Amino acid sequence: MATEDFFRIQIEKTALLVIDMQRGFLDKGSVMEVPQGREIIPNIRQLVEAGRKRGVSVIFTQFVYSPKVPNLIGELHPEHKPMPLGGRPGFRKPSNCCLEGDSSTEVVADLAPMENEPVVQKHGYDAFFATDLEPTLRSRGVQTLVVTGVMTDICVLATVNSAVHREYRVLVVRDAVATLWPEVQQITLDLIERAYGRVVSTTEILKQMAEAPGLC
């Protein structure tokens, strides 16, 4: 099978994964703001709308820090942990970013999930680890993942790595993933292309979705 055919979308076997497009990372002024993430919202929205129209599974993830599930992520990034009374010394902005129960965990309004679309909550970078993502994918017969979201070098990369080792075919959309630094963005995309899957454009995926045979 030619490589281009191996990674070609089959509607009923494909899921569009929207990783961590949350207010805590995208709202202006948020303590863990990724401004570049706002720039990719229109492309992700195009992909989500096209996926819904064609019958591609659309699945969202949310990073949620929970004091009931303390982990190393909270120690590495204390911005997620509850802010002590009187504030946290050394932090110039209010914290509690993506803390359980806080509005910062919400997917941004422009990409709001529909009622029937799964929203997978995770406590770490990898969307497969200790979540119901894999059972959700398996129950839908998914073999190929189209990956979007933030951050390219952290949660996107961790999830892509995990997906490949679970035998999923991975397509990462270069203009629908984002991180803070252009050079890190390019290095990460080069790494994904070299070892984990294919890096494609929004236009390429929209074309594949439009041309792929399917149920609708």
N, C-alpha and C. Protein backbone atom coordinates (compact mmCIF):
# COMPACT_ATOMS: atom_id res chain seq x y z
N MET A 1 0.84 -1.20 0.00
CA MET A 1 0.00 0.00 0.00
C MET A 1 0.88 1.25 0.00
N ALA A 2 0.63 2.17 -0.89
CA ALA A 2 1.40 3.41 -0.95
C ALA A 2 1.18 4.22 0.33
N THR A 3 2.23 4.95 0.72
CA THR A 3 2.14 5.71 1.96
C THR A 3 0.97 6.69 1.95
N GLU A 4 0.77 7.38 0.82
CA GLU A 4 -0.32 8.36 0.77
C GLU A 4 -1.68 7.70 0.93
N ASP A 5 -1.82 6.47 0.47
CA ASP A 5 -3.08 5.74 0.64
C ASP A 5 -3.23 5.24 2.07
N PHE A 6 -2.11 4.86 2.69
CA PHE A 6 -2.13 4.35 4.06
C PHE A 6 -2.69 5.40 5.02
N PHE A 7 -2.39 6.66 4.76
CA PHE A 7 -2.83 7.74 5.64
C PHE A 7 -4.07 8.47 5.12
N ARG A 8 -4.70 7.93 4.09
CA ARG A 8 -5.87 8.59 3.54
C ARG A 8 -7.08 8.37 4.45
N ILE A 9 -7.87 9.41 4.62
CA ILE A 9 -9.03 9.38 5.52
C ILE A 9 -10.11 8.45 4.99
N GLN A 10 -10.62 7.62 5.89
CA GLN A 10 -11.87 6.89 5.67
C GLN A 10 -12.85 7.42 6.70
N ILE A 11 -13.94 7.98 6.24
CA ILE A 11 -14.85 8.72 7.12
C ILE A 11 -15.23 7.93 8.36
N GLU A 12 -15.67 6.70 8.19
CA GLU A 12 -16.20 5.92 9.32
C GLU A 12 -15.10 5.41 10.25
N LYS A 13 -13.81 5.57 9.85
CA LYS A 13 -12.71 5.07 10.67
C LYS A 13 -11.80 6.21 11.15
N THR A 14 -12.28 7.43 11.04
CA THR A 14 -11.46 8.60 11.38
C THR A 14 -12.09 9.41 12.49
N ALA A 15 -11.25 9.94 13.37
CA ALA A 15 -11.71 10.88 14.40
C ALA A 15 -10.87 12.15 14.33
N LEU A 16 -11.52 13.28 14.50
CA LEU A 16 -10.85 14.57 14.63
C LEU A 16 -10.68 14.85 16.12
N LEU A 17 -9.43 14.97 16.55
CA LEU A 17 -9.14 15.18 17.96
C LEU A 17 -8.73 16.63 18.19
N VAL A 18 -9.49 17.32 19.05
CA VAL A 18 -9.23 18.73 19.37
C VAL A 18 -8.67 18.77 20.79
N ILE A 19 -7.38 19.04 20.89
CA ILE A 19 -6.68 18.91 22.16
C ILE A 19 -6.59 20.25 22.90
N ASP A 20 -7.23 20.30 24.06
CA ASP A 20 -7.03 21.34 25.06
C ASP A 20 -7.24 22.78 24.58
N MET A 21 -8.20 22.97 23.70
CA MET A 21 -8.51 24.35 23.25
C MET A 21 -9.41 25.00 24.29
N GLN A 22 -8.82 25.31 25.42
CA GLN A 22 -9.54 25.75 26.61
C GLN A 22 -9.26 27.21 26.94
N ARG A 23 -10.16 27.78 27.69
CA ARG A 23 -10.02 29.19 28.06
C ARG A 23 -8.73 29.44 28.84
N GLY A 24 -8.32 28.49 29.66
CA GLY A 24 -7.12 28.65 30.45
C GLY A 24 -5.86 28.83 29.64
N PHE A 25 -5.89 28.35 28.39
CA PHE A 25 -4.74 28.49 27.50
C PHE A 25 -4.95 29.55 26.43
N LEU A 26 -6.20 29.94 26.18
CA LEU A 26 -6.48 30.81 25.05
C LEU A 26 -7.03 32.18 25.43
N ASP A 27 -7.59 32.34 26.61
CA ASP A 27 -8.09 33.66 27.00
C ASP A 27 -6.94 34.65 27.14
N LYS A 28 -7.15 35.86 26.66
CA LYS A 28 -6.13 36.90 26.81
C LYS A 28 -5.89 37.17 28.28
N GLY A 29 -4.62 37.19 28.67
CA GLY A 29 -4.27 37.49 30.04
C GLY A 29 -4.25 36.30 30.97
N SER A 30 -4.62 35.11 30.50
CA SER A 30 -4.59 33.94 31.36
C SER A 30 -3.15 33.60 31.70
N VAL A 31 -2.93 33.01 32.87
CA VAL A 31 -1.57 32.80 33.37
C VAL A 31 -0.79 31.84 32.49
N MET A 32 -1.44 30.94 31.76
CA MET A 32 -0.77 30.00 30.87
C MET A 32 -1.19 30.25 29.42
N GLU A 33 -1.34 31.50 29.09
CA GLU A 33 -1.83 31.90 27.77
C GLU A 33 -0.90 31.42 26.65
N VAL A 34 -1.51 30.88 25.59
CA VAL A 34 -0.80 30.54 24.35
C VAL A 34 -1.45 31.39 23.25
N PRO A 35 -0.97 32.61 23.03
CA PRO A 35 -1.63 33.50 22.06
C PRO A 35 -1.75 32.88 20.67
N GLN A 36 -0.75 32.07 20.30
CA GLN A 36 -0.78 31.43 18.99
C GLN A 36 -1.97 30.48 18.85
N GLY A 37 -2.48 30.00 19.97
CA GLY A 37 -3.63 29.11 19.94
C GLY A 37 -4.88 29.79 19.42
N ARG A 38 -5.01 31.09 19.67
CA ARG A 38 -6.17 31.82 19.15
C ARG A 38 -6.13 31.90 17.62
N GLU A 39 -4.93 31.93 17.07
CA GLU A 39 -4.77 32.06 15.62
C GLU A 39 -5.25 30.82 14.86
N ILE A 40 -5.24 29.67 15.52
CA ILE A 40 -5.63 28.43 14.82
C ILE A 40 -7.11 28.10 14.99
N ILE A 41 -7.83 28.88 15.79
CA ILE A 41 -9.26 28.59 16.00
C ILE A 41 -10.03 28.53 14.69
N PRO A 42 -9.87 29.47 13.75
CA PRO A 42 -10.63 29.38 12.50
C PRO A 42 -10.38 28.09 11.72
N ASN A 43 -9.12 27.63 11.68
CA ASN A 43 -8.83 26.39 10.97
C ASN A 43 -9.46 25.19 11.66
N ILE A 44 -9.35 25.15 12.99
CA ILE A 44 -9.97 24.03 13.71
C ILE A 44 -11.48 24.05 13.52
N ARG A 45 -12.04 25.24 13.55
CA ARG A 45 -13.49 25.34 13.36
C ARG A 45 -13.92 24.81 11.99
N GLN A 46 -13.14 25.13 10.96
CA GLN A 46 -13.43 24.59 9.62
C GLN A 46 -13.40 23.06 9.64
N LEU A 47 -12.39 22.51 10.29
CA LEU A 47 -12.26 21.06 10.35
C LEU A 47 -13.40 20.43 11.14
N VAL A 48 -13.76 21.04 12.26
CA VAL A 48 -14.87 20.53 13.08
C VAL A 48 -16.17 20.55 12.28
N GLU A 49 -16.45 21.65 11.62
CA GLU A 49 -17.69 21.77 10.86
C GLU A 49 -17.73 20.78 9.70
N ALA A 50 -16.60 20.62 9.02
CA ALA A 50 -16.54 19.65 7.92
C ALA A 50 -16.68 18.23 8.45
N GLY A 51 -16.04 17.94 9.58
CA GLY A 51 -16.16 16.62 10.17
C GLY A 51 -17.58 16.29 10.57
N ARG A 52 -18.25 17.25 11.17
CA ARG A 52 -19.66 17.04 11.55
C ARG A 52 -20.52 16.78 10.32
N LYS A 53 -20.27 17.54 9.28
CA LYS A 53 -21.07 17.40 8.06
C LYS A 53 -20.88 16.03 7.42
N ARG A 54 -19.64 15.52 7.42
CA ARG A 54 -19.35 14.26 6.76
C ARG A 54 -19.56 13.04 7.65
N GLY A 55 -19.65 13.24 8.95
CA GLY A 55 -19.84 12.09 9.84
C GLY A 55 -18.57 11.59 10.49
N VAL A 56 -17.49 12.41 10.45
CA VAL A 56 -16.27 12.09 11.17
C VAL A 56 -16.51 12.28 12.66
N SER A 57 -16.02 11.37 13.49
CA SER A 57 -16.13 11.54 14.94
C SER A 57 -15.31 12.75 15.37
N VAL A 58 -15.91 13.65 16.14
CA VAL A 58 -15.22 14.83 16.66
C VAL A 58 -15.12 14.66 18.18
N ILE A 59 -13.88 14.67 18.67
CA ILE A 59 -13.63 14.41 20.09
C ILE A 59 -12.74 15.50 20.66
N PHE A 60 -13.12 16.02 21.82
CA PHE A 60 -12.37 17.09 22.48
C PHE A 60 -11.67 16.55 23.72
N THR A 61 -10.54 17.17 24.06
CA THR A 61 -9.92 16.87 25.35
C THR A 61 -9.83 18.15 26.17
N GLN A 62 -9.81 17.97 27.47
CA GLN A 62 -9.63 19.06 28.41
C GLN A 62 -8.58 18.65 29.44
N PHE A 63 -7.58 19.48 29.63
CA PHE A 63 -6.69 19.27 30.77
C PHE A 63 -7.38 19.85 32.00
N VAL A 64 -7.50 19.02 33.04
CA VAL A 64 -8.14 19.45 34.29
C VAL A 64 -7.25 19.03 35.44
N TYR A 65 -6.77 19.99 36.20
CA TYR A 65 -6.02 19.65 37.40
C TYR A 65 -6.99 19.48 38.56
N SER A 66 -6.89 18.34 39.24
CA SER A 66 -7.77 18.08 40.36
C SER A 66 -6.95 17.84 41.62
N PRO A 67 -7.23 18.57 42.70
CA PRO A 67 -6.55 18.30 43.97
C PRO A 67 -6.81 16.89 44.47
N LYS A 68 -7.88 16.25 43.96
CA LYS A 68 -8.19 14.88 44.36
C LYS A 68 -7.30 13.88 43.64
N VAL A 69 -6.63 14.33 42.57
CA VAL A 69 -5.71 13.47 41.82
C VAL A 69 -4.38 14.20 41.70
N PRO A 70 -3.70 14.46 42.79
CA PRO A 70 -2.44 15.21 42.73
C PRO A 70 -1.41 14.45 41.91
N ASN A 71 -0.63 15.18 41.12
CA ASN A 71 0.37 14.53 40.29
C ASN A 71 1.56 15.45 40.06
N LEU A 72 2.54 14.93 39.34
CA LEU A 72 3.76 15.69 39.10
C LEU A 72 3.51 16.92 38.25
N ILE A 73 2.50 16.86 37.38
CA ILE A 73 2.19 18.03 36.54
C ILE A 73 1.90 19.24 37.42
N GLY A 74 1.21 19.03 38.51
CA GLY A 74 0.89 20.12 39.41
C GLY A 74 2.12 20.71 40.08
N GLU A 75 3.14 19.87 40.28
CA GLU A 75 4.38 20.37 40.88
C GLU A 75 5.22 21.10 39.83
N LEU A 76 5.22 20.59 38.59
CA LEU A 76 5.97 21.24 37.53
C LEU A 76 5.32 22.56 37.12
N HIS A 77 3.99 22.60 37.19
CA HIS A 77 3.23 23.79 36.77
C HIS A 77 2.24 24.16 37.87
N PRO A 78 2.71 24.77 38.94
CA PRO A 78 1.82 25.08 40.07
C PRO A 78 0.73 26.09 39.72
N GLU A 79 0.80 26.67 38.51
CA GLU A 79 -0.27 27.56 38.06
C GLU A 79 -1.62 26.84 38.04
N HIS A 80 -1.58 25.50 37.92
CA HIS A 80 -2.82 24.73 37.89
C HIS A 80 -3.40 24.49 39.29
N LYS A 81 -2.58 24.59 40.29
CA LYS A 81 -3.01 24.23 41.65
C LYS A 81 -3.81 25.37 42.28
N PRO A 82 -4.63 25.05 43.28
CA PRO A 82 -5.39 26.11 43.95
C PRO A 82 -4.45 27.16 44.51
N MET A 83 -4.81 28.41 44.34
CA MET A 83 -3.96 29.51 44.80
C MET A 83 -4.15 29.72 46.30
N PRO A 84 -3.08 29.70 47.07
CA PRO A 84 -3.20 29.91 48.52
C PRO A 84 -3.79 31.27 48.84
N LEU A 85 -4.36 31.39 50.00
CA LEU A 85 -4.87 32.68 50.45
C LEU A 85 -3.73 33.70 50.43
N GLY A 86 -4.01 34.87 49.90
CA GLY A 86 -2.99 35.89 49.81
C GLY A 86 -2.17 35.83 48.54
N GLY A 87 -2.51 34.86 47.66
CA GLY A 87 -1.79 34.77 46.38
C GLY A 87 -0.57 33.89 46.49
N ARG A 88 0.07 33.67 45.37
CA ARG A 88 1.27 32.84 45.32
C ARG A 88 2.46 33.72 45.01
N PRO A 89 3.42 33.83 45.91
CA PRO A 89 4.57 34.70 45.68
C PRO A 89 5.27 34.34 44.37
N GLY A 90 5.65 35.38 43.62
CA GLY A 90 6.37 35.15 42.38
C GLY A 90 5.49 35.04 41.16
N PHE A 91 4.19 34.95 41.34
CA PHE A 91 3.27 34.88 40.22
C PHE A 91 2.64 36.24 39.99
N ARG A 92 2.73 36.72 38.76
CA ARG A 92 2.25 38.07 38.47
C ARG A 92 0.78 38.11 38.09
N LYS A 93 0.17 36.94 37.89
CA LYS A 93 -1.24 36.89 37.50
C LYS A 93 -1.97 35.89 38.40
N PRO A 94 -3.29 36.04 38.51
CA PRO A 94 -4.06 35.04 39.26
C PRO A 94 -3.85 33.65 38.68
N SER A 95 -3.91 32.65 39.53
CA SER A 95 -3.63 31.28 39.09
C SER A 95 -4.93 30.48 39.01
N ASN A 96 -4.87 29.20 39.37
CA ASN A 96 -5.99 28.27 39.26
C ASN A 96 -6.29 27.92 37.80
N CYS A 97 -5.28 27.98 36.91
CA CYS A 97 -5.50 27.71 35.50
C CYS A 97 -5.87 26.25 35.27
N CYS A 98 -7.05 26.04 34.69
CA CYS A 98 -7.56 24.70 34.37
C CYS A 98 -7.74 23.84 35.63
N LEU A 99 -7.99 24.50 36.75
CA LEU A 99 -8.30 23.80 37.98
C LEU A 99 -9.73 23.28 37.92
N GLU A 100 -9.93 22.09 38.41
CA GLU A 100 -11.26 21.48 38.41
C GLU A 100 -12.31 22.44 38.98
N GLY A 101 -13.39 22.64 38.23
CA GLY A 101 -14.46 23.52 38.66
C GLY A 101 -14.31 24.96 38.22
N ASP A 102 -13.14 25.32 37.70
CA ASP A 102 -12.90 26.69 37.27
C ASP A 102 -13.32 26.86 35.81
N SER A 103 -13.77 28.05 35.44
CA SER A 103 -14.22 28.29 34.07
C SER A 103 -13.10 28.17 33.05
N SER A 104 -11.85 28.23 33.50
CA SER A 104 -10.71 28.11 32.59
C SER A 104 -10.59 26.72 31.98
N THR A 105 -11.29 25.74 32.52
CA THR A 105 -11.26 24.39 31.94
C THR A 105 -12.12 24.29 30.68
N GLU A 106 -13.02 25.26 30.46
CA GLU A 106 -13.99 25.15 29.37
C GLU A 106 -13.34 25.29 28.00
N VAL A 107 -13.85 24.50 27.04
CA VAL A 107 -13.46 24.69 25.64
C VAL A 107 -13.96 26.07 25.20
N VAL A 108 -13.14 26.78 24.43
CA VAL A 108 -13.53 28.13 24.00
C VAL A 108 -14.84 28.09 23.22
N ALA A 109 -15.61 29.16 23.34
CA ALA A 109 -16.97 29.19 22.79
C ALA A 109 -17.00 28.93 21.29
N ASP A 110 -15.99 29.41 20.55
CA ASP A 110 -15.98 29.23 19.10
C ASP A 110 -15.86 27.77 18.68
N LEU A 111 -15.44 26.91 19.61
CA LEU A 111 -15.28 25.49 19.31
C LEU A 111 -16.13 24.62 20.23
N ALA A 112 -17.16 25.18 20.78
CA ALA A 112 -17.95 24.47 21.78
C ALA A 112 -18.42 23.11 21.28
N PRO A 113 -18.17 22.04 22.04
CA PRO A 113 -18.62 20.71 21.63
C PRO A 113 -20.14 20.63 21.57
N MET A 114 -20.64 19.84 20.62
CA MET A 114 -22.06 19.55 20.58
C MET A 114 -22.39 18.52 21.65
N GLU A 115 -23.66 18.41 21.97
CA GLU A 115 -24.08 17.56 23.08
C GLU A 115 -23.65 16.11 22.91
N ASN A 116 -23.61 15.63 21.68
CA ASN A 116 -23.29 14.22 21.44
C ASN A 116 -21.80 13.97 21.21
N GLU A 117 -20.96 14.99 21.36
CA GLU A 117 -19.53 14.83 21.11
C GLU A 117 -18.77 14.59 22.41
N PRO A 118 -17.95 13.55 22.46
CA PRO A 118 -17.21 13.24 23.69
C PRO A 118 -16.24 14.35 24.06
N VAL A 119 -16.16 14.63 25.36
CA VAL A 119 -15.17 15.54 25.90
C VAL A 119 -14.38 14.74 26.94
N VAL A 120 -13.14 14.44 26.61
CA VAL A 120 -12.31 13.57 27.44
C VAL A 120 -11.49 14.43 28.39
N GLN A 121 -11.68 14.25 29.68
CA GLN A 121 -10.89 14.98 30.66
C GLN A 121 -9.64 14.18 31.00
N LYS A 122 -8.52 14.88 31.12
CA LYS A 122 -7.25 14.24 31.43
C LYS A 122 -6.53 15.05 32.50
N HIS A 123 -5.64 14.38 33.22
CA HIS A 123 -4.90 15.05 34.29
C HIS A 123 -3.42 15.21 33.94
N GLY A 124 -3.07 14.87 32.71
CA GLY A 124 -1.68 15.00 32.27
C GLY A 124 -1.62 15.39 30.81
N TYR A 125 -0.46 15.23 30.23
CA TYR A 125 -0.26 15.64 28.84
C TYR A 125 -0.89 14.67 27.85
N ASP A 126 -0.73 13.38 28.10
CA ASP A 126 -1.15 12.32 27.19
C ASP A 126 -2.66 12.09 27.33
N ALA A 127 -3.40 12.29 26.25
CA ALA A 127 -4.86 12.15 26.31
C ALA A 127 -5.31 10.71 26.45
N PHE A 128 -4.40 9.75 26.27
CA PHE A 128 -4.75 8.34 26.43
C PHE A 128 -4.55 7.84 27.86
N PHE A 129 -3.65 8.48 28.61
CA PHE A 129 -3.28 7.96 29.92
C PHE A 129 -4.39 8.16 30.94
N ALA A 130 -4.89 7.06 31.50
CA ALA A 130 -5.90 7.08 32.57
C ALA A 130 -7.15 7.87 32.16
N THR A 131 -7.56 7.75 30.88
CA THR A 131 -8.78 8.39 30.40
C THR A 131 -9.62 7.36 29.65
N ASP A 132 -10.79 7.80 29.19
CA ASP A 132 -11.64 6.91 28.40
C ASP A 132 -11.50 7.18 26.90
N LEU A 133 -10.40 7.82 26.50
CA LEU A 133 -10.24 8.11 25.07
C LEU A 133 -10.16 6.84 24.24
N GLU A 134 -9.32 5.90 24.64
CA GLU A 134 -9.16 4.71 23.79
C GLU A 134 -10.45 3.89 23.69
N PRO A 135 -11.17 3.63 24.78
CA PRO A 135 -12.45 2.93 24.63
C PRO A 135 -13.42 3.68 23.72
N THR A 136 -13.40 5.01 23.80
CA THR A 136 -14.27 5.81 22.93
C THR A 136 -13.91 5.61 21.47
N LEU A 137 -12.62 5.62 21.16
CA LEU A 137 -12.18 5.42 19.79
C LEU A 137 -12.48 4.00 19.31
N ARG A 138 -12.18 3.02 20.13
CA ARG A 138 -12.39 1.62 19.74
C ARG A 138 -13.87 1.34 19.49
N SER A 139 -14.72 1.91 20.32
CA SER A 139 -16.16 1.66 20.17
C SER A 139 -16.70 2.24 18.88
N ARG A 140 -15.98 3.21 18.31
CA ARG A 140 -16.40 3.84 17.06
C ARG A 140 -15.65 3.29 15.85
N GLY A 141 -14.77 2.33 16.09
CA GLY A 141 -14.03 1.73 15.00
C GLY A 141 -12.98 2.63 14.39
N VAL A 142 -12.48 3.58 15.18
CA VAL A 142 -11.52 4.56 14.67
C VAL A 142 -10.14 3.93 14.51
N GLN A 143 -9.52 4.20 13.37
CA GLN A 143 -8.15 3.76 13.09
C GLN A 143 -7.21 4.93 12.79
N THR A 144 -7.77 6.06 12.39
CA THR A 144 -6.98 7.22 12.00
C THR A 144 -7.38 8.43 12.84
N LEU A 145 -6.38 9.17 13.33
CA LEU A 145 -6.62 10.38 14.11
C LEU A 145 -6.10 11.59 13.36
N VAL A 146 -6.96 12.60 13.23
CA VAL A 146 -6.55 13.91 12.73
C VAL A 146 -6.43 14.80 13.96
N VAL A 147 -5.21 15.26 14.24
CA VAL A 147 -4.91 15.89 15.52
C VAL A 147 -4.73 17.40 15.37
N THR A 148 -5.41 18.15 16.25
CA THR A 148 -5.32 19.60 16.30
C THR A 148 -5.20 20.02 17.76
N GLY A 149 -4.85 21.32 17.99
CA GLY A 149 -4.91 21.84 19.35
C GLY A 149 -3.59 22.37 19.87
N VAL A 150 -3.50 22.51 21.18
CA VAL A 150 -2.32 23.05 21.86
C VAL A 150 -1.90 22.10 22.99
N MET A 151 -0.62 22.19 23.40
CA MET A 151 0.49 22.80 22.69
C MET A 151 1.19 21.72 21.86
N THR A 152 1.71 22.11 20.71
CA THR A 152 2.28 21.15 19.77
C THR A 152 3.35 20.29 20.42
N ASP A 153 4.23 20.90 21.20
CA ASP A 153 5.38 20.21 21.76
C ASP A 153 5.09 19.53 23.09
N ILE A 154 3.90 19.69 23.62
CA ILE A 154 3.61 19.09 24.93
C ILE A 154 2.44 18.11 24.81
N CYS A 155 1.22 18.58 24.93
CA CYS A 155 0.08 17.66 24.94
C CYS A 155 -0.17 17.03 23.57
N VAL A 156 0.04 17.78 22.50
CA VAL A 156 -0.13 17.19 21.17
C VAL A 156 0.89 16.09 20.95
N LEU A 157 2.16 16.38 21.20
CA LEU A 157 3.22 15.40 20.98
C LEU A 157 3.05 14.17 21.87
N ALA A 158 2.72 14.39 23.14
CA ALA A 158 2.54 13.26 24.06
C ALA A 158 1.41 12.35 23.59
N THR A 159 0.33 12.95 23.12
CA THR A 159 -0.82 12.17 22.65
C THR A 159 -0.51 11.45 21.35
N VAL A 160 0.20 12.11 20.44
CA VAL A 160 0.60 11.48 19.18
C VAL A 160 1.50 10.28 19.44
N ASN A 161 2.47 10.45 20.30
CA ASN A 161 3.36 9.34 20.68
C ASN A 161 2.56 8.16 21.19
N SER A 162 1.65 8.43 22.08
CA SER A 162 0.83 7.37 22.66
C SER A 162 -0.07 6.72 21.61
N ALA A 163 -0.62 7.52 20.69
CA ALA A 163 -1.50 7.00 19.65
C ALA A 163 -0.78 6.02 18.74
N VAL A 164 0.43 6.37 18.34
CA VAL A 164 1.20 5.51 17.44
C VAL A 164 1.48 4.17 18.09
N HIS A 165 1.78 4.17 19.37
CA HIS A 165 2.06 2.92 20.07
C HIS A 165 0.80 2.13 20.39
N ARG A 166 -0.35 2.69 20.06
CA ARG A 166 -1.61 1.95 20.12
C ARG A 166 -2.12 1.62 18.71
N GLU A 167 -1.25 1.81 17.73
CA GLU A 167 -1.52 1.42 16.33
C GLU A 167 -2.53 2.32 15.62
N TYR A 168 -2.62 3.58 16.03
CA TYR A 168 -3.44 4.53 15.28
C TYR A 168 -2.59 5.23 14.22
N ARG A 169 -3.18 5.49 13.08
CA ARG A 169 -2.54 6.28 12.04
C ARG A 169 -2.80 7.75 12.37
N VAL A 170 -1.76 8.55 12.38
CA VAL A 170 -1.87 9.91 12.90
C VAL A 170 -1.55 10.94 11.82
N LEU A 171 -2.46 11.90 11.68
CA LEU A 171 -2.26 13.06 10.83
C LEU A 171 -2.32 14.30 11.71
N VAL A 172 -1.24 15.05 11.79
CA VAL A 172 -1.19 16.27 12.58
C VAL A 172 -1.33 17.46 11.63
N VAL A 173 -2.25 18.35 11.93
CA VAL A 173 -2.56 19.47 11.04
C VAL A 173 -1.68 20.66 11.43
N ARG A 174 -0.70 20.96 10.58
CA ARG A 174 0.35 21.92 10.94
C ARG A 174 -0.18 23.32 11.25
N ASP A 175 -1.24 23.74 10.55
CA ASP A 175 -1.79 25.07 10.79
C ASP A 175 -3.02 25.02 11.68
N ALA A 176 -3.16 23.91 12.41
CA ALA A 176 -4.24 23.79 13.40
C ALA A 176 -3.69 23.26 14.72
N VAL A 177 -2.37 23.35 14.90
CA VAL A 177 -1.72 23.10 16.19
C VAL A 177 -0.82 24.30 16.47
N ALA A 178 -0.56 24.57 17.73
CA ALA A 178 0.21 25.77 18.06
C ALA A 178 0.98 25.59 19.35
N THR A 179 2.09 26.33 19.44
CA THR A 179 2.84 26.45 20.68
C THR A 179 3.40 27.87 20.75
N LEU A 180 4.20 28.13 21.77
CA LEU A 180 4.63 29.51 22.04
C LEU A 180 5.76 29.99 21.15
N TRP A 181 6.56 29.07 20.62
CA TRP A 181 7.78 29.47 19.93
C TRP A 181 7.82 28.88 18.53
N PRO A 182 8.00 29.69 17.48
CA PRO A 182 8.02 29.20 16.11
C PRO A 182 9.05 28.10 15.88
N GLU A 183 10.25 28.26 16.46
CA GLU A 183 11.28 27.25 16.23
C GLU A 183 10.93 25.92 16.87
N VAL A 184 10.29 25.96 18.03
CA VAL A 184 9.87 24.71 18.68
C VAL A 184 8.73 24.07 17.90
N GLN A 185 7.83 24.89 17.39
CA GLN A 185 6.75 24.39 16.53
C GLN A 185 7.33 23.59 15.36
N GLN A 186 8.30 24.17 14.66
CA GLN A 186 8.85 23.52 13.48
C GLN A 186 9.62 22.25 13.85
N ILE A 187 10.41 22.31 14.90
CA ILE A 187 11.16 21.12 15.34
C ILE A 187 10.21 19.99 15.69
N THR A 188 9.14 20.30 16.40
CA THR A 188 8.18 19.27 16.80
C THR A 188 7.48 18.67 15.60
N LEU A 189 7.07 19.50 14.67
CA LEU A 189 6.42 18.99 13.45
C LEU A 189 7.38 18.13 12.64
N ASP A 190 8.65 18.52 12.59
CA ASP A 190 9.64 17.71 11.89
C ASP A 190 9.81 16.35 12.57
N LEU A 191 9.80 16.35 13.88
CA LEU A 191 9.92 15.10 14.63
C LEU A 191 8.72 14.19 14.37
N ILE A 192 7.53 14.77 14.39
CA ILE A 192 6.32 13.98 14.13
C ILE A 192 6.37 13.37 12.73
N GLU A 193 6.74 14.17 11.75
CA GLU A 193 6.83 13.69 10.37
C GLU A 193 7.86 12.57 10.24
N ARG A 194 8.95 12.68 10.97
CA ARG A 194 10.03 11.70 10.89
C ARG A 194 9.67 10.38 11.56
N ALA A 195 8.92 10.45 12.67
CA ALA A 195 8.78 9.25 13.49
C ALA A 195 7.37 8.80 13.82
N TYR A 196 6.38 9.67 13.71
CA TYR A 196 5.08 9.33 14.28
C TYR A 196 3.91 9.32 13.32
N GLY A 197 4.00 10.01 12.21
CA GLY A 197 2.85 10.04 11.32
C GLY A 197 3.07 10.98 10.16
N ARG A 198 2.04 11.72 9.80
CA ARG A 198 2.13 12.68 8.70
C ARG A 198 1.71 14.06 9.19
N VAL A 199 2.38 15.08 8.67
CA VAL A 199 2.03 16.46 8.96
C VAL A 199 1.40 17.04 7.70
N VAL A 200 0.19 17.56 7.84
CA VAL A 200 -0.60 18.01 6.69
C VAL A 200 -1.19 19.38 6.99
N SER A 201 -1.83 19.97 6.00
CA SER A 201 -2.47 21.27 6.18
C SER A 201 -3.97 21.14 6.36
N THR A 202 -4.59 22.19 6.86
CA THR A 202 -6.05 22.22 6.96
C THR A 202 -6.68 21.99 5.59
N THR A 203 -6.13 22.64 4.57
CA THR A 203 -6.68 22.50 3.22
C THR A 203 -6.64 21.05 2.75
N GLU A 204 -5.54 20.36 3.03
CA GLU A 204 -5.43 18.95 2.62
C GLU A 204 -6.48 18.08 3.31
N ILE A 205 -6.69 18.30 4.60
CA ILE A 205 -7.67 17.49 5.32
C ILE A 205 -9.09 17.81 4.85
N LEU A 206 -9.39 19.07 4.64
CA LEU A 206 -10.72 19.43 4.13
C LEU A 206 -10.97 18.77 2.78
N LYS A 207 -9.96 18.73 1.93
CA LYS A 207 -10.09 18.10 0.62
C LYS A 207 -10.33 16.60 0.77
N GLN A 208 -9.57 15.98 1.66
CA GLN A 208 -9.77 14.54 1.88
C GLN A 208 -11.17 14.25 2.42
N MET A 209 -11.62 15.07 3.37
CA MET A 209 -12.96 14.86 3.92
C MET A 209 -14.02 14.99 2.83
N ALA A 210 -13.85 15.98 1.97
CA ALA A 210 -14.84 16.22 0.92
C ALA A 210 -14.87 15.09 -0.10
N GLU A 211 -13.71 14.50 -0.37
CA GLU A 211 -13.62 13.49 -1.42
C GLU A 211 -13.78 12.07 -0.93
N ALA A 212 -13.64 11.85 0.37
CA ALA A 212 -13.70 10.49 0.90
C ALA A 212 -15.10 9.91 0.80
N PRO A 213 -15.23 8.65 0.35
CA PRO A 213 -16.54 8.02 0.38
C PRO A 213 -16.98 7.84 1.83
N GLY A 214 -18.27 7.95 2.06
CA GLY A 214 -18.77 7.82 3.42
C GLY A 214 -20.27 7.62 3.42
N LEU A 215 -20.82 7.74 4.62
CA LEU A 215 -22.24 7.49 4.80
C LEU A 215 -23.11 8.68 4.42
N CYS A 216 -22.51 9.87 4.31
CA CYS A 216 -23.28 11.06 4.00
C CYS A 216 -22.51 11.97 3.08
